Amino acid sequence: MDRAEVIASVAGDLNATEQAVDAAIAKATTLVQAMIGARTALSLSPVAAAEAQSKAMEAIAALGAARSAIVASHEELAKDHRRLGWGTYAIGILDKPAETGPEQKPVGRLRAV
């Protein structure tokens, strides 16, 4: 493997990891939504399954921390890439939304913060 192939491989794995964490967050939030919907549909008290719901929300918070860490890893890899003078390499989604600040428009049900 030459340098470009090695870098592209790492970039592909990084992109796949970012997507997997985002997918896990989406699934976990769907779980909490389903728990609330089920409680409502069954006419149960908000106290019912409160602890289980709380644990699911703790998992979402942990996934949020994981997402922050993988994004920070991405930024550090980009810095190292530039510092080593390896030029520009692109892999994954190339039409990333522009970073315009806090007024970013929501994409689907999620919104950039």
C-alpha atoms as a PDB file:
ATOM      1  CA  MET A   1       0.000   0.000   0.000  1.00  0.00           C
ATOM      2  CA  ASP A   2       1.254   3.443  -0.804  1.00  0.00           C
ATOM      3  CA  ARG A   3       0.762   6.440   1.448  1.00  0.00           C
ATOM      4  CA  ALA A   4      -2.420   7.605  -0.316  1.00  0.00           C
ATOM      5  CA  GLU A   5      -4.046   4.180   0.109  1.00  0.00           C
ATOM      6  CA  VAL A   6      -3.155   4.031   3.806  1.00  0.00           C
ATOM      7  CA  ILE A   7      -4.531   7.527   4.405  1.00  0.00           C
ATOM      8  CA  ALA A   8      -7.698   6.741   2.426  1.00  0.00           C
ATOM      9  CA  SER A   9      -8.177   3.563   4.472  1.00  0.00           C
ATOM     10  CA  VAL A  10      -7.949   5.434   7.770  1.00  0.00           C
ATOM     11  CA  ALA A  11     -10.251   8.174   6.433  1.00  0.00           C
ATOM     12  CA  GLY A  12     -12.795   5.536   5.376  1.00  0.00           C
ATOM     13  CA  ASP A  13     -12.702   3.906   8.801  1.00  0.00           C
ATOM     14  CA  LEU A  14     -13.068   7.298  10.467  1.00  0.00           C
ATOM     15  CA  ASN A  15     -16.075   8.164   8.301  1.00  0.00           C
ATOM     16  CA  ALA A  16     -17.664   4.764   9.000  1.00  0.00           C
ATOM     17  CA  THR A  17     -17.149   5.257  12.744  1.00  0.00           C
ATOM     18  CA  GLU A  18     -18.730   8.714  12.660  1.00  0.00           C
ATOM     19  CA  GLN A  19     -21.727   7.321  10.783  1.00  0.00           C
ATOM     20  CA  ALA A  20     -22.051   4.377  13.188  1.00  0.00           C
ATOM     21  CA  VAL A  21     -22.079   6.650  16.238  1.00  0.00           C
ATOM     22  CA  ASP A  22     -24.680   8.913  14.608  1.00  0.00           C
ATOM     23  CA  ALA A  23     -26.810   5.868  13.762  1.00  0.00           C
ATOM     24  CA  ALA A  24     -26.532   4.606  17.345  1.00  0.00           C
ATOM     25  CA  ILE A  25     -27.665   7.992  18.673  1.00  0.00           C
ATOM     26  CA  ALA A  26     -30.642   7.982  16.300  1.00  0.00           C
ATOM     27  CA  LYS A  27     -31.621   4.427  17.328  1.00  0.00           C
ATOM     28  CA  ALA A  28     -31.286   5.225  21.038  1.00  0.00           C
ATOM     29  CA  THR A  29     -33.456   8.313  20.740  1.00  0.00           C
ATOM     30  CA  THR A  30     -36.031   6.250  18.853  1.00  0.00           C
ATOM     31  CA  LEU A  31     -36.025   3.821  21.779  1.00  0.00           C
ATOM     32  CA  VAL A  32     -36.772   6.588  24.269  1.00  0.00           C
ATOM     33  CA  GLN A  33     -39.510   7.910  22.007  1.00  0.00           C
ATOM     34  CA  ALA A  34     -41.005   4.409  21.792  1.00  0.00           C
ATOM     35  CA  MET A  35     -40.877   4.035  25.573  1.00  0.00           C
ATOM     36  CA  ILE A  36     -42.772   7.291  26.043  1.00  0.00           C
ATOM     37  CA  GLY A  37     -45.268   6.378  23.331  1.00  0.00           C
ATOM     38  CA  ALA A  38     -45.851   2.936  24.842  1.00  0.00           C
ATOM     39  CA  ARG A  39     -46.428   4.392  28.291  1.00  0.00           C
ATOM     40  CA  THR A  40     -48.922   6.864  26.845  1.00  0.00           C
ATOM     41  CA  ALA A  41     -50.681   4.220  24.739  1.00  0.00           C
ATOM     42  CA  LEU A  42     -51.026   1.971  27.797  1.00  0.00           C
ATOM     43  CA  SER A  43     -52.236   4.884  29.962  1.00  0.00           C
ATOM     44  CA  LEU A  44     -49.460   4.309  32.478  1.00  0.00           C
ATOM     45  CA  SER A  45     -48.200   6.791  35.000  1.00  0.00           C
ATOM     46  CA  PRO A  46     -45.057   8.765  34.117  1.00  0.00           C
ATOM     47  CA  VAL A  47     -43.463   6.923  37.032  1.00  0.00           C
ATOM     48  CA  ALA A  48     -43.800   3.598  35.187  1.00  0.00           C
ATOM     49  CA  ALA A  49     -40.481   2.573  33.629  1.00  0.00           C
ATOM     50  CA  ALA A  50     -38.956   5.904  34.654  1.00  0.00           C
ATOM     51  CA  GLU A  51     -35.721   4.254  35.703  1.00  0.00           C
ATOM     52  CA  ALA A  52     -35.434   2.324  32.423  1.00  0.00           C
ATOM     53  CA  GLN A  53     -36.064   5.507  30.464  1.00  0.00           C
ATOM     54  CA  SER A  54     -33.494   7.331  32.556  1.00  0.00           C
ATOM     55  CA  LYS A  55     -30.905   4.629  31.801  1.00  0.00           C
ATOM     56  CA  ALA A  56     -31.658   4.892  28.072  1.00  0.00           C
ATOM     57  CA  MET A  57     -31.129   8.660  28.253  1.00  0.00           C
ATOM     58  CA  GLU A  58     -27.817   8.072  30.067  1.00  0.00           C
ATOM     59  CA  ALA A  59     -26.809   5.897  27.127  1.00  0.00           C
ATOM     60  CA  ILE A  60     -27.699   8.731  24.741  1.00  0.00           C
ATOM     61  CA  ALA A  61     -25.523  11.111  26.765  1.00  0.00           C
ATOM     62  CA  ALA A  62     -22.645   8.617  26.588  1.00  0.00           C
ATOM     63  CA  LEU A  63     -23.127   8.309  22.824  1.00  0.00           C
ATOM     64  CA  GLY A  64     -23.036  12.106  22.608  1.00  0.00           C
ATOM     65  CA  ALA A  65     -19.700  12.082  24.415  1.00  0.00           C
ATOM     66  CA  ALA A  66     -18.468   9.385  22.036  1.00  0.00           C
ATOM     67  CA  ARG A  67     -19.538  11.514  19.081  1.00  0.00           C
ATOM     68  CA  SER A  68     -17.659  14.519  20.465  1.00  0.00           C
ATOM     69  CA  ALA A  69     -14.562  12.377  20.934  1.00  0.00           C
ATOM     70  CA  ILE A  70     -14.617  10.938  17.406  1.00  0.00           C
ATOM     71  CA  VAL A  71     -15.150  14.424  15.929  1.00  0.00           C
ATOM     72  CA  ALA A  72     -12.181  15.672  17.981  1.00  0.00           C
ATOM     73  CA  SER A  73     -10.161  12.718  16.696  1.00  0.00           C
ATOM     74  CA  HIS A  74     -11.124  13.687  13.142  1.00  0.00           C
ATOM     75  CA  GLU A  75      -9.944  17.255  13.752  1.00  0.00           C
ATOM     76  CA  GLU A  76      -6.639  16.051  15.211  1.00  0.00           C
ATOM     77  CA  LEU A  77      -6.044  13.715  12.270  1.00  0.00           C
ATOM     78  CA  ALA A  78      -6.715  16.599   9.881  1.00  0.00           C
ATOM     79  CA  LYS A  79      -4.173  18.759  11.752  1.00  0.00           C
ATOM     80  CA  ASP A  80      -1.582  15.973  11.624  1.00  0.00           C
ATOM     81  CA  HIS A  81      -2.292  15.448   7.942  1.00  0.00           C
ATOM     82  CA  ARG A  82      -1.644  19.122   7.179  1.00  0.00           C
ATOM     83  CA  ARG A  83       1.365  19.286   9.514  1.00  0.00           C
ATOM     84  CA  LEU A  84       2.986  16.370   7.708  1.00  0.00           C
ATOM     85  CA  GLY A  85       2.399  18.094   4.376  1.00  0.00           C
ATOM     86  CA  TRP A  86       0.464  15.257   2.792  1.00  0.00           C
ATOM     87  CA  GLY A  87      -1.825  17.491   0.755  1.00  0.00           C
ATOM     88  CA  THR A  88      -5.550  17.075   0.400  1.00  0.00           C
ATOM     89  CA  TYR A  89      -7.360  13.754   0.444  1.00  0.00           C
ATOM     90  CA  ALA A  90     -11.110  13.307   0.381  1.00  0.00           C
ATOM     91  CA  ILE A  91     -13.185  10.276   1.243  1.00  0.00           C
ATOM     92  CA  GLY A  92     -16.787   9.867   2.220  1.00  0.00           C
ATOM     93  CA  ILE A  93     -19.455  12.498   1.921  1.00  0.00           C
ATOM     94  CA  LEU A  94     -18.065  15.433   0.009  1.00  0.00           C
ATOM     95  CA  ASP A  95     -21.099  17.712   0.207  1.00  0.00           C
ATOM     96  CA  LYS A  96     -20.794  18.419   3.917  1.00  0.00           C
ATOM     97  CA  PRO A  97     -22.903  21.335   5.140  1.00  0.00           C
ATOM     98  CA  ALA A  98     -21.081  24.637   5.448  1.00  0.00           C
ATOM     99  CA  GLU A  99     -20.287  25.755   8.958  1.00  0.00           C
ATOM    100  CA  THR A 100     -22.220  28.980   9.169  1.00  0.00           C
ATOM    101  CA  GLY A 101     -22.558  29.296  12.903  1.00  0.00           C
ATOM    102  CA  PRO A 102     -25.568  28.856  15.161  1.00  0.00           C
ATOM    103  CA  GLU A 103     -28.110  29.546  12.388  1.00  0.00           C
ATOM    104  CA  GLN A 104     -27.507  26.174  10.681  1.00  0.00           C
ATOM    105  CA  LYS A 105     -30.633  24.657   9.200  1.00  0.00           C
ATOM    106  CA  PRO A 106     -31.846  21.286  10.491  1.00  0.00           C
ATOM    107  CA  VAL A 107     -31.206  18.219   8.376  1.00  0.00           C
ATOM    108  CA  GLY A 108     -34.054  15.737   8.679  1.00  0.00           C
ATOM    109  CA  ARG A 109     -35.137  15.410  12.296  1.00  0.00           C
ATOM    110  CA  LEU A 110     -31.715  16.347  13.630  1.00  0.00           C
ATOM    111  CA  ARG A 111     -30.300  19.835  13.681  1.00  0.00           C
ATOM    112  CA  ALA A 112     -26.733  21.060  13.854  1.00  0.00           C
ATOM    113  CA  VAL A 113     -25.751  22.696  17.097  1.00  0.00           C
END
